Amino acid sequence: MQNIICMLLTVIVPVTLTTLSVVWFVGQGKGFTSKVISVFDLNSESGLIKQGLLWLVVGIPLSLGFAFGVWAWAGYDLNLSADGYRKFIEISILPLAIMSVSLPLAGLVSRFHSTQQAAKQISITMIKNNLDAFSSHRKGMLEYFSGLDLMTYFDKYKFEYKAHPVLHKRFFSGSPEKGWPSRNELSFEAVERKIEQAAIYLLLVLSGNSIHRLDDYLQVSLNIYGAADALNIREIKHDMARGGVYVKWLNNDGGVVTIGLNTLETLAALRFVREYYNNFCDFSGRPRMKLSNDLEDVFLKTEYWLRKGDFIQTIHLQDMVSLVEAGRAEYGEKHPRGG
């Protein structure tokens, strides 16, 4: 029984003392528990010399070997001769064998640590590459639109191709850490629906076949502004809005600002919104927007609609004046009648 206790103490005492020493000098963290855990965890951000696990695999075999050596060396005197060396080797086989384990274990820990650092470096490189790819895509979008020329419709209405960075967030999905973004198809489809709805209602107004011309015209305005807002076209969503008329609509629960004071101005706004969107599709690798032949007439014909009459101007001269006088509408600050 005594021998068993001695054996246990021979193992437990050096292991405990070595572990506590490593925890005390190398352990990281505020509490004792966190320091103990850190000793057994390889930290790729620190050098090998600061790894507690390295000192454990070196210190424990050495301390164990020395502890077993104490029993083996008991009763012998120091003898620095050839006979003494031979006797030392003879009685120290087990202690020396235990101590020798520290070298391959230290090499193994070193290998694990270098592998972990390599993996960390690869991860950092991948994140950097992803960030560069995401940034390049966004920068490419801005550069693409900056290279497009100013658009002028009917020698009067001018629009610039300016891309706001917010477009990238609205129309592309992903995060910088994941690299090259993908198209957000829902955002593209939403803009297409607004452009198509605007063309449908404008066709009714321009043809003179609209039964509810004011409501149809307001639907045109609502959808053009919606598409222009999504694409962040300042000339339309800000400048043209200031020159329109705010109409209380939908049973006074909401309102809409009219777009364009005449046929040419409204056509110019809708045509630029579509052209801007089509160029955005070109950059995004998405097919351009296609419409039926009837709706394409809204974008291709001009004199044809003017010969039918300027119904939009009539709406402003008649309906809008009546609405303003009735308190159901008000002129914008840049409207010819406003201010």
C-alpha atoms as a PDB file:
ATOM      1  CA  MET A   1       0.000   0.000   0.000  1.00  0.00           C
ATOM      2  CA  GLN A   2       2.867   2.305   0.856  1.00  0.00           C
ATOM      3  CA  ASN A   3       4.469   1.667  -2.530  1.00  0.00           C
ATOM      4  CA  ILE A   4       1.232   2.557  -4.311  1.00  0.00           C
ATOM      5  CA  ILE A   5       0.991   5.845  -2.415  1.00  0.00           C
ATOM      6  CA  CYS A   6       4.601   6.648  -3.240  1.00  0.00           C
ATOM      7  CA  MET A   7       3.965   5.866  -6.915  1.00  0.00           C
ATOM      8  CA  LEU A   8       0.913   8.134  -7.008  1.00  0.00           C
ATOM      9  CA  LEU A   9       2.781  10.963  -5.313  1.00  0.00           C
ATOM     10  CA  THR A  10       5.688  10.502  -7.695  1.00  0.00           C
ATOM     11  CA  VAL A  11       3.335  11.102 -10.617  1.00  0.00           C
ATOM     12  CA  ILE A  12       0.856  13.590  -9.161  1.00  0.00           C
ATOM     13  CA  VAL A  13       3.242  15.996  -7.431  1.00  0.00           C
ATOM     14  CA  PRO A  14       5.502  16.828 -10.431  1.00  0.00           C
ATOM     15  CA  VAL A  15       2.550  17.018 -12.842  1.00  0.00           C
ATOM     16  CA  THR A  16       0.645  19.340 -10.504  1.00  0.00           C
ATOM     17  CA  LEU A  17       3.608  21.569  -9.730  1.00  0.00           C
ATOM     18  CA  THR A  18       4.562  21.847 -13.409  1.00  0.00           C
ATOM     19  CA  THR A  19       1.005  22.639 -14.455  1.00  0.00           C
ATOM     20  CA  LEU A  20       0.587  25.285 -11.758  1.00  0.00           C
ATOM     21  CA  SER A  21       3.907  26.858 -12.711  1.00  0.00           C
ATOM     22  CA  VAL A  22       2.926  27.046 -16.373  1.00  0.00           C
ATOM     23  CA  VAL A  23      -0.486  28.455 -15.475  1.00  0.00           C
ATOM     24  CA  TRP A  24       1.144  31.082 -13.260  1.00  0.00           C
ATOM     25  CA  PHE A  25       3.737  32.269 -15.778  1.00  0.00           C
ATOM     26  CA  VAL A  26       2.035  31.700 -19.151  1.00  0.00           C
ATOM     27  CA  GLY A  27      -1.694  31.490 -18.459  1.00  0.00           C
ATOM     28  CA  GLN A  28      -3.892  34.288 -19.818  1.00  0.00           C
ATOM     29  CA  GLY A  29      -7.177  35.613 -18.528  1.00  0.00           C
ATOM     30  CA  LYS A  30      -8.531  37.188 -15.380  1.00  0.00           C
ATOM     31  CA  GLY A  31      -9.639  34.138 -13.400  1.00  0.00           C
ATOM     32  CA  PHE A  32      -7.792  30.967 -12.474  1.00  0.00           C
ATOM     33  CA  THR A  33     -10.127  28.835 -14.601  1.00  0.00           C
ATOM     34  CA  SER A  34      -9.616  30.959 -17.702  1.00  0.00           C
ATOM     35  CA  LYS A  35      -5.854  30.810 -17.188  1.00  0.00           C
ATOM     36  CA  VAL A  36      -5.920  27.011 -16.931  1.00  0.00           C
ATOM     37  CA  ILE A  37      -8.013  26.737 -20.114  1.00  0.00           C
ATOM     38  CA  SER A  38      -5.682  29.105 -21.987  1.00  0.00           C
ATOM     39  CA  VAL A  39      -2.706  26.864 -21.193  1.00  0.00           C
ATOM     40  CA  PHE A  40      -4.255  23.989 -23.138  1.00  0.00           C
ATOM     41  CA  ASP A  41      -5.313  26.197 -26.057  1.00  0.00           C
ATOM     42  CA  LEU A  42      -2.956  27.031 -28.910  1.00  0.00           C
ATOM     43  CA  ASN A  43      -3.127  30.742 -29.701  1.00  0.00           C
ATOM     44  CA  SER A  44      -2.174  31.400 -33.323  1.00  0.00           C
ATOM     45  CA  GLU A  45      -1.743  35.106 -32.605  1.00  0.00           C
ATOM     46  CA  SER A  46       1.133  34.502 -30.162  1.00  0.00           C
ATOM     47  CA  GLY A  47       4.558  33.027 -30.763  1.00  0.00           C
ATOM     48  CA  LEU A  48       5.485  29.462 -29.892  1.00  0.00           C
ATOM     49  CA  ILE A  49       7.433  30.560 -26.821  1.00  0.00           C
ATOM     50  CA  LYS A  50       4.198  31.870 -25.262  1.00  0.00           C
ATOM     51  CA  GLN A  51       2.237  28.654 -25.740  1.00  0.00           C
ATOM     52  CA  GLY A  52       1.450  27.050 -22.400  1.00  0.00           C
ATOM     53  CA  LEU A  53       0.956  23.655 -24.029  1.00  0.00           C
ATOM     54  CA  LEU A  54       4.574  23.688 -25.218  1.00  0.00           C
ATOM     55  CA  TRP A  55       5.856  24.204 -21.682  1.00  0.00           C
ATOM     56  CA  LEU A  56       3.560  21.470 -20.387  1.00  0.00           C
ATOM     57  CA  VAL A  57       4.809  18.833 -22.852  1.00  0.00           C
ATOM     58  CA  VAL A  58       8.390  19.838 -22.042  1.00  0.00           C
ATOM     59  CA  GLY A  59       8.050  20.355 -18.302  1.00  0.00           C
ATOM     60  CA  ILE A  60       5.888  17.357 -17.351  1.00  0.00           C
ATOM     61  CA  PRO A  61       8.149  14.636 -18.871  1.00  0.00           C
ATOM     62  CA  LEU A  62      11.237  16.330 -17.402  1.00  0.00           C
ATOM     63  CA  SER A  63       9.700  16.659 -13.931  1.00  0.00           C
ATOM     64  CA  LEU A  64       8.317  13.097 -14.066  1.00  0.00           C
ATOM     65  CA  GLY A  65      11.663  11.751 -15.178  1.00  0.00           C
ATOM     66  CA  PHE A  66      13.402  13.604 -12.381  1.00  0.00           C
ATOM     67  CA  ALA A  67      10.817  12.349  -9.829  1.00  0.00           C
ATOM     68  CA  PHE A  68      11.348   8.729 -10.862  1.00  0.00           C
ATOM     69  CA  GLY A  69      15.084   9.367 -10.919  1.00  0.00           C
ATOM     70  CA  VAL A  70      15.043  10.414  -7.279  1.00  0.00           C
ATOM     71  CA  TRP A  71      13.999   6.872  -6.319  1.00  0.00           C
ATOM     72  CA  ALA A  72      16.480   5.299  -8.745  1.00  0.00           C
ATOM     73  CA  TRP A  73      19.377   7.466  -7.575  1.00  0.00           C
ATOM     74  CA  ALA A  74      18.734   7.039  -3.853  1.00  0.00           C
ATOM     75  CA  GLY A  75      21.672   5.363  -2.044  1.00  0.00           C
ATOM     76  CA  TYR A  76      24.244   6.231  -4.723  1.00  0.00           C
ATOM     77  CA  ASP A  77      27.054   8.738  -4.447  1.00  0.00           C
ATOM     78  CA  LEU A  78      28.245  11.072  -7.164  1.00  0.00           C
ATOM     79  CA  ASN A  79      30.955   9.383  -9.214  1.00  0.00           C
ATOM     80  CA  LEU A  80      32.319  11.309 -12.205  1.00  0.00           C
ATOM     81  CA  SER A  81      34.154   8.400 -13.750  1.00  0.00           C
ATOM     82  CA  ALA A  82      33.533   5.951 -16.570  1.00  0.00           C
ATOM     83  CA  ASP A  83      32.159   3.411 -14.103  1.00  0.00           C
ATOM     84  CA  GLY A  84      29.972   6.101 -12.581  1.00  0.00           C
ATOM     85  CA  TYR A  85      28.555   7.065 -15.991  1.00  0.00           C
ATOM     86  CA  ARG A  86      27.860   3.433 -16.850  1.00  0.00           C
ATOM     87  CA  LYS A  87      26.082   2.912 -13.561  1.00  0.00           C
ATOM     88  CA  PHE A  88      24.095   6.118 -14.050  1.00  0.00           C
ATOM     89  CA  ILE A  89      22.874   4.970 -17.448  1.00  0.00           C
ATOM     90  CA  GLU A  90      22.054   1.553 -16.061  1.00  0.00           C
ATOM     91  CA  ILE A  91      19.870   2.809 -13.219  1.00  0.00           C
ATOM     92  CA  SER A  92      18.389   5.794 -15.132  1.00  0.00           C
ATOM     93  CA  ILE A  93      16.860   4.040 -18.151  1.00  0.00           C
ATOM     94  CA  LEU A  94      13.273   4.756 -17.085  1.00  0.00           C
ATOM     95  CA  PRO A  95      13.803   8.390 -15.964  1.00  0.00           C
ATOM     96  CA  LEU A  96      15.778   9.190 -19.112  1.00  0.00           C
ATOM     97  CA  ALA A  97      13.169   7.483 -21.304  1.00  0.00           C
ATOM     98  CA  ILE A  98      10.408   9.579 -19.721  1.00  0.00           C
ATOM     99  CA  MET A  99      12.451  12.774 -20.145  1.00  0.00           C
ATOM    100  CA  SER A 100      13.186  11.990 -23.790  1.00  0.00           C
ATOM    101  CA  VAL A 101       9.468  12.091 -24.596  1.00  0.00           C
ATOM    102  CA  SER A 102       9.517  15.890 -24.188  1.00  0.00           C
ATOM    103  CA  LEU A 103      11.429  16.434 -27.455  1.00  0.00           C
ATOM    104  CA  PRO A 104       8.993  14.723 -29.886  1.00  0.00           C
ATOM    105  CA  LEU A 105       6.026  16.167 -27.970  1.00  0.00           C
ATOM    106  CA  ALA A 106       7.502  19.668 -28.264  1.00  0.00           C
ATOM    107  CA  GLY A 107       8.021  19.090 -31.974  1.00  0.00           C
ATOM    108  CA  LEU A 108       4.416  17.943 -32.332  1.00  0.00           C
ATOM    109  CA  VAL A 109       3.087  21.038 -30.534  1.00  0.00           C
ATOM    110  CA  SER A 110       5.328  23.214 -32.699  1.00  0.00           C
ATOM    111  CA  ARG A 111       3.896  21.567 -35.804  1.00  0.00           C
ATOM    112  CA  PHE A 112       0.327  22.044 -34.643  1.00  0.00           C
ATOM    113  CA  HIS A 113       1.026  25.682 -33.855  1.00  0.00           C
ATOM    114  CA  SER A 114       2.608  26.409 -37.247  1.00  0.00           C
ATOM    115  CA  THR A 115      -0.268  24.644 -39.004  1.00  0.00           C
ATOM    116  CA  GLN A 116      -2.769  26.723 -37.041  1.00  0.00           C
ATOM    117  CA  GLN A 117      -0.899  29.913 -37.901  1.00  0.00           C
ATOM    118  CA  ALA A 118      -0.841  28.946 -41.578  1.00  0.00           C
ATOM    119  CA  ALA A 119      -4.591  28.315 -41.507  1.00  0.00           C
ATOM    120  CA  LYS A 120      -5.103  31.681 -39.804  1.00  0.00           C
ATOM    121  CA  GLN A 121      -3.019  33.402 -42.451  1.00  0.00           C
ATOM    122  CA  ILE A 122      -4.980  31.717 -45.229  1.00  0.00           C
ATOM    123  CA  SER A 123      -8.223  32.845 -43.594  1.00  0.00           C
ATOM    124  CA  ILE A 124      -6.947  36.427 -43.309  1.00  0.00           C
ATOM    125  CA  THR A 125      -5.831  36.374 -46.950  1.00  0.00           C
ATOM    126  CA  MET A 126      -9.221  35.078 -48.078  1.00  0.00           C
ATOM    127  CA  ILE A 127     -11.042  37.785 -46.124  1.00  0.00           C
ATOM    128  CA  LYS A 128      -8.758  40.438 -47.623  1.00  0.00           C
ATOM    129  CA  ASN A 129      -9.351  39.087 -51.123  1.00  0.00           C
ATOM    130  CA  ASN A 130     -13.102  39.055 -50.501  1.00  0.00           C
ATOM    131  CA  LEU A 131     -13.021  42.626 -49.234  1.00  0.00           C
ATOM    132  CA  ASP A 132     -11.039  43.677 -52.312  1.00  0.00           C
ATOM    133  CA  ALA A 133     -13.484  41.885 -54.634  1.00  0.00           C
ATOM    134  CA  PHE A 134     -16.521  43.470 -53.001  1.00  0.00           C
ATOM    135  CA  SER A 135     -14.917  46.916 -53.047  1.00  0.00           C
ATOM    136  CA  SER A 136     -13.875  46.484 -56.687  1.00  0.00           C
ATOM    137  CA  HIS A 137     -17.439  45.581 -57.673  1.00  0.00           C
ATOM    138  CA  ARG A 138     -18.863  48.674 -55.979  1.00  0.00           C
ATOM    139  CA  LYS A 139     -16.114  50.884 -57.373  1.00  0.00           C
ATOM    140  CA  GLY A 140     -16.706  49.427 -60.836  1.00  0.00           C
ATOM    141  CA  MET A 141     -20.386  50.385 -60.615  1.00  0.00           C
ATOM    142  CA  LEU A 142     -19.522  53.997 -59.834  1.00  0.00           C
ATOM    143  CA  GLU A 143     -16.914  54.151 -62.590  1.00  0.00           C
ATOM    144  CA  TYR A 144     -19.311  52.567 -65.088  1.00  0.00           C
ATOM    145  CA  PHE A 145     -21.921  55.287 -64.673  1.00  0.00           C
ATOM    146  CA  SER A 146     -19.337  58.080 -64.534  1.00  0.00           C
ATOM    147  CA  GLY A 147     -18.339  57.105 -68.065  1.00  0.00           C
ATOM    148  CA  LEU A 148     -21.838  57.618 -69.481  1.00  0.00           C
ATOM    149  CA  ASP A 149     -22.625  60.900 -71.232  1.00  0.00           C
ATOM    150  CA  LEU A 150     -25.271  63.399 -70.258  1.00  0.00           C
ATOM    151  CA  MET A 151     -28.702  62.551 -71.685  1.00  0.00           C
ATOM    152  CA  THR A 152     -30.802  65.307 -73.255  1.00  0.00           C
ATOM    153  CA  TYR A 153     -34.404  64.753 -74.317  1.00  0.00           C
ATOM    154  CA  PHE A 154     -36.166  67.041 -76.796  1.00  0.00           C
ATOM    155  CA  ASP A 155     -33.243  69.516 -76.613  1.00  0.00           C
ATOM    156  CA  LYS A 156     -34.479  70.679 -73.244  1.00  0.00           C
ATOM    157  CA  TYR A 157     -34.589  68.100 -70.450  1.00  0.00           C
ATOM    158  CA  LYS A 158     -31.145  67.026 -69.258  1.00  0.00           C
ATOM    159  CA  PHE A 159     -30.260  64.075 -67.018  1.00  0.00           C
ATOM    160  CA  GLU A 160     -26.902  62.928 -65.674  1.00  0.00           C
ATOM    161  CA  TYR A 161     -25.865  59.334 -65.067  1.00  0.00           C
ATOM    162  CA  LYS A 162     -24.863  59.500 -61.429  1.00  0.00           C
ATOM    163  CA  ALA A 163     -24.697  56.342 -59.377  1.00  0.00           C
ATOM    164  CA  HIS A 164     -25.085  56.688 -55.628  1.00  0.00           C
ATOM    165  CA  PRO A 165     -23.293  54.032 -53.508  1.00  0.00           C
ATOM    166  CA  VAL A 166     -26.663  53.127 -51.990  1.00  0.00           C
ATOM    167  CA  LEU A 167     -27.562  51.420 -55.287  1.00  0.00           C
ATOM    168  CA  HIS A 168     -25.011  48.750 -54.562  1.00  0.00           C
ATOM    169  CA  LYS A 169     -26.685  47.948 -51.250  1.00  0.00           C
ATOM    170  CA  ARG A 170     -30.181  47.964 -52.769  1.00  0.00           C
ATOM    171  CA  PHE A 171     -29.535  45.867 -55.859  1.00  0.00           C
ATOM    172  CA  PHE A 172     -26.806  43.466 -54.739  1.00  0.00           C
ATOM    173  CA  SER A 173     -26.806  40.904 -51.948  1.00  0.00           C
ATOM    174  CA  GLY A 174     -23.842  39.833 -49.875  1.00  0.00           C
ATOM    175  CA  SER A 175     -21.292  41.268 -47.483  1.00  0.00           C
ATOM    176  CA  PRO A 176     -17.689  42.408 -47.943  1.00  0.00           C
ATOM    177  CA  GLU A 177     -16.416  39.391 -45.980  1.00  0.00           C
ATOM    178  CA  LYS A 178     -18.018  36.998 -48.481  1.00  0.00           C
ATOM    179  CA  GLY A 179     -16.565  38.608 -51.569  1.00  0.00           C
ATOM    180  CA  TRP A 180     -18.220  39.194 -54.940  1.00  0.00           C
ATOM    181  CA  PRO A 181     -21.907  40.095 -54.427  1.00  0.00           C
ATOM    182  CA  SER A 182     -24.866  38.598 -56.252  1.00  0.00           C
ATOM    183  CA  ARG A 183     -27.815  40.403 -57.804  1.00  0.00           C
ATOM    184  CA  ASN A 184     -30.860  41.039 -55.665  1.00  0.00           C
ATOM    185  CA  GLU A 185     -33.418  40.014 -58.265  1.00  0.00           C
ATOM    186  CA  LEU A 186     -36.342  41.271 -56.181  1.00  0.00           C
ATOM    187  CA  SER A 187     -35.014  44.831 -56.358  1.00  0.00           C
ATOM    188  CA  PHE A 188     -34.632  44.647 -60.124  1.00  0.00           C
ATOM    189  CA  GLU A 189     -38.102  43.191 -60.556  1.00  0.00           C
ATOM    190  CA  ALA A 190     -39.647  45.897 -58.354  1.00  0.00           C
ATOM    191  CA  VAL A 191     -38.197  48.654 -60.558  1.00  0.00           C
ATOM    192  CA  GLU A 192     -39.377  46.902 -63.706  1.00  0.00           C
ATOM    193  CA  ARG A 193     -42.912  46.671 -62.335  1.00  0.00           C
ATOM    194  CA  LYS A 194     -42.961  50.389 -61.597  1.00  0.00           C
ATOM    195  CA  ILE A 195     -41.664  51.303 -65.056  1.00  0.00           C
ATOM    196  CA  GLU A 196     -44.182  48.992 -66.716  1.00  0.00           C
ATOM    197  CA  GLN A 197     -47.081  50.353 -64.622  1.00  0.00           C
ATOM    198  CA  ALA A 198     -46.052  53.915 -65.437  1.00  0.00           C
ATOM    199  CA  ALA A 199     -46.009  53.071 -69.151  1.00  0.00           C
ATOM    200  CA  ILE A 200     -49.430  51.382 -68.966  1.00  0.00           C
ATOM    201  CA  TYR A 201     -51.124  54.368 -67.329  1.00  0.00           C
ATOM    202  CA  LEU A 202     -49.257  56.897 -69.467  1.00  0.00           C
ATOM    203  CA  LEU A 203     -50.429  55.102 -72.601  1.00  0.00           C
ATOM    204  CA  LEU A 204     -54.012  55.647 -71.472  1.00  0.00           C
ATOM    205  CA  VAL A 205     -53.387  59.331 -70.813  1.00  0.00           C
ATOM    206  CA  LEU A 206     -51.488  60.006 -74.053  1.00  0.00           C
ATOM    207  CA  SER A 207     -54.020  58.194 -76.218  1.00  0.00           C
ATOM    208  CA  GLY A 208     -56.890  60.249 -74.835  1.00  0.00           C
ATOM    209  CA  ASN A 209     -58.790  57.094 -73.965  1.00  0.00           C
ATOM    210  CA  SER A 210     -58.508  57.493 -70.219  1.00  0.00           C
ATOM    211  CA  ILE A 211     -61.838  57.581 -68.404  1.00  0.00           C
ATOM    212  CA  HIS A 212     -60.213  58.740 -65.178  1.00  0.00           C
ATOM    213  CA  ARG A 213     -57.390  60.785 -66.625  1.00  0.00           C
ATOM    214  CA  LEU A 214     -56.400  62.447 -63.351  1.00  0.00           C
ATOM    215  CA  ASP A 215     -56.118  59.158 -61.466  1.00  0.00           C
ATOM    216  CA  ASP A 216     -54.241  57.571 -64.355  1.00  0.00           C
ATOM    217  CA  TYR A 217     -51.841  60.514 -64.489  1.00  0.00           C
ATOM    218  CA  LEU A 218     -51.237  60.313 -60.766  1.00  0.00           C
ATOM    219  CA  GLN A 219     -50.510  56.594 -61.159  1.00  0.00           C
ATOM    220  CA  VAL A 220     -47.934  57.529 -63.790  1.00  0.00           C
ATOM    221  CA  SER A 221     -46.331  60.009 -61.394  1.00  0.00           C
ATOM    222  CA  LEU A 222     -46.401  57.606 -58.471  1.00  0.00           C
ATOM    223  CA  ASN A 223     -44.654  54.819 -60.399  1.00  0.00           C
ATOM    224  CA  ILE A 224     -42.058  57.035 -62.081  1.00  0.00           C
ATOM    225  CA  TYR A 225     -41.108  58.564 -58.744  1.00  0.00           C
ATOM    226  CA  GLY A 226     -41.007  55.097 -57.200  1.00  0.00           C
ATOM    227  CA  ALA A 227     -38.589  53.809 -59.839  1.00  0.00           C
ATOM    228  CA  ALA A 228     -36.521  57.013 -59.744  1.00  0.00           C
ATOM    229  CA  ASP A 229     -36.295  56.820 -55.971  1.00  0.00           C
ATOM    230  CA  ALA A 230     -35.129  53.200 -56.095  1.00  0.00           C
ATOM    231  CA  LEU A 231     -32.466  54.175 -58.651  1.00  0.00           C
ATOM    232  CA  ASN A 232     -31.695  57.397 -56.765  1.00  0.00           C
ATOM    233  CA  ILE A 233     -32.139  59.660 -59.804  1.00  0.00           C
ATOM    234  CA  ARG A 234     -31.921  63.097 -58.210  1.00  0.00           C
ATOM    235  CA  GLU A 235     -33.137  65.097 -61.228  1.00  0.00           C
ATOM    236  CA  ILE A 236     -36.465  63.301 -60.994  1.00  0.00           C
ATOM    237  CA  LYS A 237     -37.060  62.434 -57.357  1.00  0.00           C
ATOM    238  CA  HIS A 238     -35.884  65.840 -56.131  1.00  0.00           C
ATOM    239  CA  ASP A 239     -35.718  68.494 -58.853  1.00  0.00           C
ATOM    240  CA  MET A 240     -38.822  67.539 -60.819  1.00  0.00           C
ATOM    241  CA  ALA A 241     -40.764  66.886 -57.626  1.00  0.00           C
ATOM    242  CA  ARG A 242     -40.164  70.485 -56.499  1.00  0.00           C
ATOM    243  CA  GLY A 243     -41.688  71.690 -59.761  1.00  0.00           C
ATOM    244  CA  GLY A 244     -44.803  69.508 -59.498  1.00  0.00           C
ATOM    245  CA  VAL A 245     -48.073  69.679 -57.646  1.00  0.00           C
ATOM    246  CA  TYR A 246     -48.713  67.761 -54.448  1.00  0.00           C
ATOM    247  CA  VAL A 247     -52.148  66.169 -54.697  1.00  0.00           C
ATOM    248  CA  LYS A 248     -54.030  64.728 -51.740  1.00  0.00           C
ATOM    249  CA  TRP A 249     -55.108  61.399 -53.079  1.00  0.00           C
ATOM    250  CA  LEU A 250     -56.619  58.075 -52.096  1.00  0.00           C
ATOM    251  CA  ASN A 251     -59.378  59.526 -49.900  1.00  0.00           C
ATOM    252  CA  ASN A 252     -56.941  61.966 -48.306  1.00  0.00           C
ATOM    253  CA  ASP A 253     -54.990  59.106 -46.687  1.00  0.00           C
ATOM    254  CA  GLY A 254     -52.017  59.742 -48.908  1.00  0.00           C
ATOM    255  CA  GLY A 255     -50.703  61.952 -51.640  1.00  0.00           C
ATOM    256  CA  VAL A 256     -48.511  62.068 -54.703  1.00  0.00           C
ATOM    257  CA  VAL A 257     -46.487  64.728 -56.495  1.00  0.00           C
ATOM    258  CA  THR A 258     -47.234  65.111 -60.188  1.00  0.00           C
ATOM    259  CA  ILE A 259     -44.399  64.617 -62.629  1.00  0.00           C
ATOM    260  CA  GLY A 260     -44.021  66.834 -65.658  1.00  0.00           C
ATOM    261  CA  LEU A 261     -46.138  69.833 -66.600  1.00  0.00           C
ATOM    262  CA  ASN A 262     -46.572  68.626 -70.173  1.00  0.00           C
ATOM    263  CA  THR A 263     -46.243  65.546 -72.353  1.00  0.00           C
ATOM    264  CA  LEU A 264     -42.589  66.065 -73.282  1.00  0.00           C
ATOM    265  CA  GLU A 265     -41.444  66.487 -69.687  1.00  0.00           C
ATOM    266  CA  THR A 266     -43.285  63.380 -68.515  1.00  0.00           C
ATOM    267  CA  LEU A 267     -41.983  61.344 -71.459  1.00  0.00           C
ATOM    268  CA  ALA A 268     -38.437  62.528 -70.755  1.00  0.00           C
ATOM    269  CA  ALA A 269     -38.664  61.437 -67.124  1.00  0.00           C
ATOM    270  CA  LEU A 270     -40.026  57.981 -67.898  1.00  0.00           C
ATOM    271  CA  ARG A 271     -37.619  57.380 -70.769  1.00  0.00           C
ATOM    272  CA  PHE A 272     -34.580  58.324 -68.706  1.00  0.00           C
ATOM    273  CA  VAL A 273     -35.682  56.117 -65.822  1.00  0.00           C
ATOM    274  CA  ARG A 274     -35.874  53.159 -68.187  1.00  0.00           C
ATOM    275  CA  GLU A 275     -32.605  54.031 -69.922  1.00  0.00           C
ATOM    276  CA  TYR A 276     -30.870  54.389 -66.559  1.00  0.00           C
ATOM    277  CA  TYR A 277     -32.277  51.059 -65.454  1.00  0.00           C
ATOM    278  CA  ASN A 278     -31.224  49.346 -68.698  1.00  0.00           C
ATOM    279  CA  ASN A 279     -27.667  50.631 -68.275  1.00  0.00           C
ATOM    280  CA  PHE A 280     -27.710  49.344 -64.718  1.00  0.00           C
ATOM    281  CA  CYS A 281     -28.787  45.956 -66.080  1.00  0.00           C
ATOM    282  CA  ASP A 282     -25.877  46.057 -68.539  1.00  0.00           C
ATOM    283  CA  PHE A 283     -23.443  46.568 -65.670  1.00  0.00           C
ATOM    284  CA  SER A 284     -25.125  43.861 -63.594  1.00  0.00           C
ATOM    285  CA  GLY A 285     -25.129  41.275 -66.369  1.00  0.00           C
ATOM    286  CA  ARG A 286     -28.932  41.217 -66.449  1.00  0.00           C
ATOM    287  CA  PRO A 287     -30.987  41.355 -69.674  1.00  0.00           C
ATOM    288  CA  ARG A 288     -32.470  44.736 -70.516  1.00  0.00           C
ATOM    289  CA  MET A 289     -36.115  45.372 -69.790  1.00  0.00           C
ATOM    290  CA  LYS A 290     -38.531  44.246 -72.502  1.00  0.00           C
ATOM    291  CA  LEU A 291     -42.061  45.530 -72.980  1.00  0.00           C
ATOM    292  CA  SER A 292     -44.939  44.777 -75.322  1.00  0.00           C
ATOM    293  CA  ASN A 293     -45.111  46.628 -78.636  1.00  0.00           C
ATOM    294  CA  ASP A 294     -47.938  48.856 -77.383  1.00  0.00           C
ATOM    295  CA  LEU A 295     -45.919  49.968 -74.369  1.00  0.00           C
ATOM    296  CA  GLU A 296     -42.780  50.396 -76.452  1.00  0.00           C
ATOM    297  CA  ASP A 297     -44.669  53.100 -78.366  1.00  0.00           C
ATOM    298  CA  VAL A 298     -44.507  55.236 -75.233  1.00  0.00           C
ATOM    299  CA  PHE A 299     -40.708  55.182 -75.469  1.00  0.00           C
ATOM    300  CA  LEU A 300     -40.308  55.308 -79.259  1.00  0.00           C
ATOM    301  CA  LYS A 301     -42.983  57.726 -80.491  1.00  0.00           C
ATOM    302  CA  THR A 302     -43.098  61.428 -79.738  1.00  0.00           C
ATOM    303  CA  GLU A 303     -44.727  63.407 -82.540  1.00  0.00           C
ATOM    304  CA  TYR A 304     -47.465  60.787 -82.693  1.00  0.00           C
ATOM    305  CA  TRP A 305     -48.501  61.561 -79.112  1.00  0.00           C
ATOM    306  CA  LEU A 306     -48.172  65.311 -79.538  1.00  0.00           C
ATOM    307  CA  ARG A 307     -50.553  65.227 -82.489  1.00  0.00           C
ATOM    308  CA  LYS A 308     -53.150  63.551 -80.314  1.00  0.00           C
ATOM    309  CA  GLY A 309     -53.022  66.486 -77.916  1.00  0.00           C
ATOM    310  CA  ASP A 310     -51.175  67.532 -74.778  1.00  0.00           C
ATOM    311  CA  PHE A 311     -53.518  65.943 -72.258  1.00  0.00           C
ATOM    312  CA  ILE A 312     -51.016  66.289 -69.412  1.00  0.00           C
ATOM    313  CA  GLN A 313     -50.843  70.046 -69.867  1.00  0.00           C
ATOM    314  CA  THR A 314     -54.624  70.115 -69.937  1.00  0.00           C
ATOM    315  CA  ILE A 315     -54.739  68.246 -66.636  1.00  0.00           C
ATOM    316  CA  HIS A 316     -52.508  70.899 -65.087  1.00  0.00           C
ATOM    317  CA  LEU A 317     -54.434  73.819 -66.537  1.00  0.00           C
ATOM    318  CA  GLN A 318     -57.827  72.439 -65.514  1.00  0.00           C
ATOM    319  CA  ASP A 319     -57.802  69.654 -62.913  1.00  0.00           C
ATOM    320  CA  MET A 320     -54.827  70.889 -60.916  1.00  0.00           C
ATOM    321  CA  VAL A 321     -56.075  74.462 -60.745  1.00  0.00           C
ATOM    322  CA  SER A 322     -59.436  73.217 -59.434  1.00  0.00           C
ATOM    323  CA  LEU A 323     -57.763  70.948 -56.861  1.00  0.00           C
ATOM    324  CA  VAL A 324     -55.518  73.740 -55.592  1.00  0.00           C
ATOM    325  CA  GLU A 325     -58.467  76.109 -55.284  1.00  0.00           C
ATOM    326  CA  ALA A 326     -60.383  73.416 -53.385  1.00  0.00           C
ATOM    327  CA  GLY A 327     -57.475  72.918 -51.000  1.00  0.00           C
ATOM    328  CA  ARG A 328     -56.842  69.359 -52.179  1.00  0.00           C
ATOM    329  CA  ALA A 329     -53.488  70.159 -53.782  1.00  0.00           C
ATOM    330  CA  GLU A 330     -50.634  72.637 -53.506  1.00  0.00           C
ATOM    331  CA  TYR A 331     -47.950  73.848 -55.871  1.00  0.00           C
ATOM    332  CA  GLY A 332     -44.327  72.938 -55.357  1.00  0.00           C
ATOM    333  CA  GLU A 333     -41.772  75.608 -54.569  1.00  0.00           C
ATOM    334  CA  LYS A 334     -40.360  75.464 -58.126  1.00  0.00           C
ATOM    335  CA  HIS A 335     -43.760  75.281 -59.851  1.00  0.00           C
ATOM    336  CA  PRO A 336     -44.486  78.236 -62.203  1.00  0.00           C
ATOM    337  CA  ARG A 337     -47.543  79.072 -60.071  1.00  0.00           C
ATOM    338  CA  GLY A 338     -45.905  78.204 -56.778  1.00  0.00           C
ATOM    339  CA  GLY A 339     -43.335  79.945 -54.641  1.00  0.00           C
END
